[in-house]
Amino acid sequence: MTYPPPPGWHDPAGSGQQPSQPADPTLPMSGPPVPAQPGPVDPYAPANPYGVQQPPAVSPYAPADPYAAQQPPAVAPYAQPGQAPGYPGYGYPPAPPTNGMAVAAMVIGITGIMGLCGYGVGGIIGVVGAILGHIAKRQIRERGESGEGMATAGIIMGWISTAIAVLATIGIIIAIVVAANQNS
């Protein structure tokens, strides 16, 4: 069942057919023109030397055109060191600096362990390494630096070398006392 056309209706196909007959789909349609899509952006057009994009002259309340060409992001006027202009940086933040006292604590802790062969000198050096390690850990917490593992290594090696040096000193003293009390 077909309904009669409303008053003032005309055939959009312009084929001269009666309004009650369906239009031929192969014939071109007349009517309002279809808006053209925006053309491609010229990649060789001169860039804005100040790196600031001009806002488009469109009302903020106008509906967004999903087929419109997207504007490139604004480029910073100066690139970061070691970065090509126009490209974003890497996603990783720079590493925090290493605490120098933590490095010193670890080196002195290693030296204290090696100094145990020097008749207890490693114990004195180990105490210095352990103290520097404790100071370095406090500085790392306050400043947000890296190197906590090195500070911990300096503390551990410093106290181990000190303990071994104290035990070795006690052992040497006991050996001297025992040797002195023997009848020869």
Protein backbone atom coordinates (compact mmCIF):
# COMPACT_ATOMS: atom_id res chain seq x y z
CA MET A 1 0.00 0.00 0.00
CA THR A 2 1.36 3.40 -0.97
CA TYR A 3 0.37 6.73 0.47
CA PRO A 4 -0.25 9.78 -1.67
CA PRO A 5 2.62 12.33 -1.73
CA PRO A 6 2.31 15.43 0.47
CA PRO A 7 1.24 18.69 -1.21
CA GLY A 8 4.09 20.55 -2.95
CA TRP A 9 6.20 17.42 -3.33
CA HIS A 10 8.32 17.14 -6.43
CA ASP A 11 10.34 14.24 -7.80
CA PRO A 12 13.99 14.61 -6.66
CA ALA A 13 15.21 12.52 -9.60
CA GLY A 14 13.71 14.99 -12.04
CA SER A 15 12.70 12.15 -14.33
CA GLY A 16 9.21 13.47 -14.93
CA GLN A 17 7.67 10.35 -13.49
CA GLN A 18 4.49 10.45 -11.55
CA PRO A 19 4.98 11.00 -7.80
CA SER A 20 3.36 7.70 -6.95
CA GLN A 21 5.89 5.74 -9.04
CA PRO A 22 9.27 4.94 -7.46
CA ALA A 23 12.29 6.80 -8.91
CA ASP A 24 14.87 4.97 -10.99
CA PRO A 25 17.93 4.44 -8.72
CA THR A 26 20.34 4.50 -11.67
CA LEU A 27 19.49 8.11 -12.60
CA PRO A 28 21.56 10.92 -10.99
CA MET A 29 19.81 12.72 -8.18
CA SER A 30 19.40 16.45 -8.03
CA GLY A 31 19.32 18.42 -4.83
CA PRO A 32 21.65 20.40 -2.61
CA PRO A 33 25.34 19.88 -3.42
CA VAL A 34 27.41 17.67 -1.16
CA PRO A 35 30.09 19.74 0.63
CA ALA A 36 33.61 18.93 -0.51
CA GLN A 37 36.11 17.44 1.92
CA PRO A 38 39.00 19.67 2.96
CA GLY A 39 42.06 19.17 0.83
CA PRO A 40 45.36 17.76 2.05
CA VAL A 41 47.67 19.98 4.07
CA ASP A 42 50.68 21.25 2.13
CA PRO A 43 53.75 19.72 3.84
CA TYR A 44 56.02 22.30 2.17
CA ALA A 45 54.10 25.33 3.40
CA PRO A 46 56.24 27.64 5.56
CA ALA A 47 55.96 26.84 9.25
CA ASN A 48 55.06 29.40 11.85
CA PRO A 49 58.49 30.57 13.14
CA TYR A 50 57.19 31.13 16.66
CA GLY A 51 55.81 27.60 17.05
CA VAL A 52 52.35 28.77 18.12
CA GLN A 53 49.36 27.46 16.21
CA GLN A 54 46.63 29.93 15.41
CA PRO A 55 43.24 28.79 16.69
CA PRO A 56 40.74 27.91 13.95
CA ALA A 57 38.11 30.54 13.16
CA VAL A 58 35.26 28.23 14.13
CA SER A 59 32.70 28.80 16.81
CA PRO A 60 33.37 26.63 19.89
CA TYR A 61 29.70 25.67 19.81
CA ALA A 62 29.76 24.40 16.23
CA PRO A 63 29.47 20.62 15.84
CA ALA A 64 32.79 18.90 15.25
CA ASP A 65 33.41 17.56 11.77
CA PRO A 66 34.72 14.00 12.12
CA TYR A 67 36.18 14.12 8.58
CA ALA A 68 38.07 17.38 9.03
CA ALA A 69 41.85 17.27 8.89
CA GLN A 70 43.34 17.33 12.37
CA GLN A 71 45.80 20.08 13.23
CA PRO A 72 49.30 18.95 14.24
CA PRO A 73 50.19 19.60 17.88
CA ALA A 74 51.91 22.85 18.73
CA VAL A 75 55.68 22.58 18.57
CA ALA A 76 57.81 23.98 21.37
CA PRO A 77 59.99 26.87 20.18
CA TYR A 78 63.16 25.10 21.35
CA ALA A 79 63.78 21.35 21.34
CA GLN A 80 65.20 19.51 24.33
CA PRO A 81 68.93 18.68 24.16
CA GLY A 82 69.53 15.61 22.02
CA GLN A 83 65.99 15.65 20.62
CA ALA A 84 64.97 16.29 17.05
CA PRO A 85 62.66 19.30 16.69
CA GLY A 86 59.01 18.43 16.26
CA TYR A 87 59.22 15.03 17.91
CA PRO A 88 58.13 14.24 21.46
CA GLY A 89 60.67 12.98 23.96
CA TYR A 90 60.89 9.48 25.33
CA GLY A 91 58.49 8.32 28.03
CA TYR A 92 61.08 7.64 30.70
CA PRO A 93 62.07 10.39 33.10
CA PRO A 94 65.79 10.98 33.68
CA ALA A 95 67.36 8.88 36.42
CA PRO A 96 68.02 10.66 39.71
CA PRO A 97 71.69 11.38 40.47
CA THR A 98 73.69 8.87 42.49
CA ASN A 99 74.74 9.90 45.98
CA GLY A 100 78.52 10.25 46.10
CA MET A 101 78.68 9.34 49.79
CA ALA A 102 77.02 5.99 48.95
CA VAL A 103 79.73 5.23 46.39
CA ALA A 104 82.42 6.18 48.92
CA ALA A 105 80.81 3.97 51.59
CA MET A 106 80.83 0.96 49.27
CA VAL A 107 84.44 1.52 48.16
CA ILE A 108 85.65 1.97 51.74
CA GLY A 109 83.66 -1.11 52.83
CA ILE A 110 85.41 -3.19 50.16
CA THR A 111 88.76 -1.72 51.21
CA GLY A 112 87.97 -2.63 54.84
CA ILE A 113 87.31 -6.26 53.90
CA MET A 114 90.59 -6.38 51.97
CA GLY A 115 92.42 -4.61 54.79
CA LEU A 116 91.70 -7.47 57.21
CA CYS A 117 94.97 -9.00 56.07
CA GLY A 118 96.79 -5.97 57.55
CA TYR A 119 96.52 -6.94 61.25
CA GLY A 120 93.21 -5.25 62.01
CA VAL A 121 93.61 -2.14 59.86
CA GLY A 122 90.51 -3.28 57.96
CA GLY A 123 88.45 -2.90 61.15
CA ILE A 124 89.28 0.77 61.44
CA ILE A 125 88.58 1.33 57.74
CA GLY A 126 85.35 -0.70 58.06
CA VAL A 127 84.00 1.60 60.78
CA VAL A 128 84.51 4.58 58.46
CA GLY A 129 82.68 2.74 55.64
CA ALA A 130 79.75 1.86 57.89
CA ILE A 131 79.40 5.43 59.18
CA LEU A 132 79.54 6.84 55.65
CA GLY A 133 76.88 4.32 54.60
CA HIS A 134 74.50 5.47 57.35
CA ILE A 135 75.04 9.14 56.42
CA ALA A 136 74.50 8.32 52.74
CA LYS A 137 71.19 6.55 53.45
CA ARG A 138 69.91 9.60 55.31
CA GLN A 139 70.97 11.90 52.46
CA ILE A 140 69.29 9.64 49.90
CA ARG A 141 65.99 9.79 51.80
CA GLU A 142 66.17 13.59 52.10
CA ARG A 143 67.31 14.41 48.57
CA GLY A 144 65.60 11.67 46.55
CA GLU A 145 68.87 10.45 45.05
CA SER A 146 69.77 6.91 44.00
CA GLY A 147 72.46 4.67 45.46
CA GLU A 148 70.67 3.07 48.39
CA GLY A 149 72.07 -0.36 47.49
CA MET A 150 75.64 0.94 47.50
CA ALA A 151 75.09 2.60 50.88
CA THR A 152 73.68 -0.65 52.28
CA ALA A 153 76.64 -2.59 50.86
CA GLY A 154 79.04 -0.14 52.52
CA ILE A 155 77.25 -0.54 55.87
CA ILE A 156 77.24 -4.34 55.73
CA MET A 157 80.85 -4.72 54.60
CA GLY A 158 82.02 -2.06 57.06
CA TRP A 159 80.44 -3.75 60.09
CA ILE A 160 81.51 -7.23 58.94
CA SER A 161 85.15 -6.13 58.55
CA THR A 162 84.99 -4.39 61.93
CA ALA A 163 83.55 -7.48 63.61
CA ILE A 164 86.14 -9.77 62.03
CA ALA A 165 88.94 -7.36 63.00
CA VAL A 166 87.71 -7.25 66.63
CA LEU A 167 87.46 -11.08 66.76
CA ALA A 168 90.93 -11.41 65.21
CA THR A 169 92.37 -8.91 67.72
CA ILE A 170 90.79 -10.80 70.61
CA GLY A 171 92.15 -14.07 69.20
CA ILE A 172 95.65 -12.64 68.88
CA ILE A 173 95.56 -11.29 72.46
CA ILE A 174 94.37 -14.67 73.79
CA ALA A 175 97.10 -16.44 71.85
CA ILE A 176 99.76 -14.09 73.30
CA VAL A 177 98.45 -14.53 76.87
CA VAL A 178 98.36 -18.33 76.52
CA ALA A 179 101.85 -18.40 75.06
CA ALA A 180 103.19 -16.16 77.83
CA ASN A 181 101.74 -18.33 80.60
CA GLN A 182 103.25 -21.60 79.37
CA ASN A 183 106.31 -22.97 81.15
CA SER A 184 109.12 -23.52 78.75
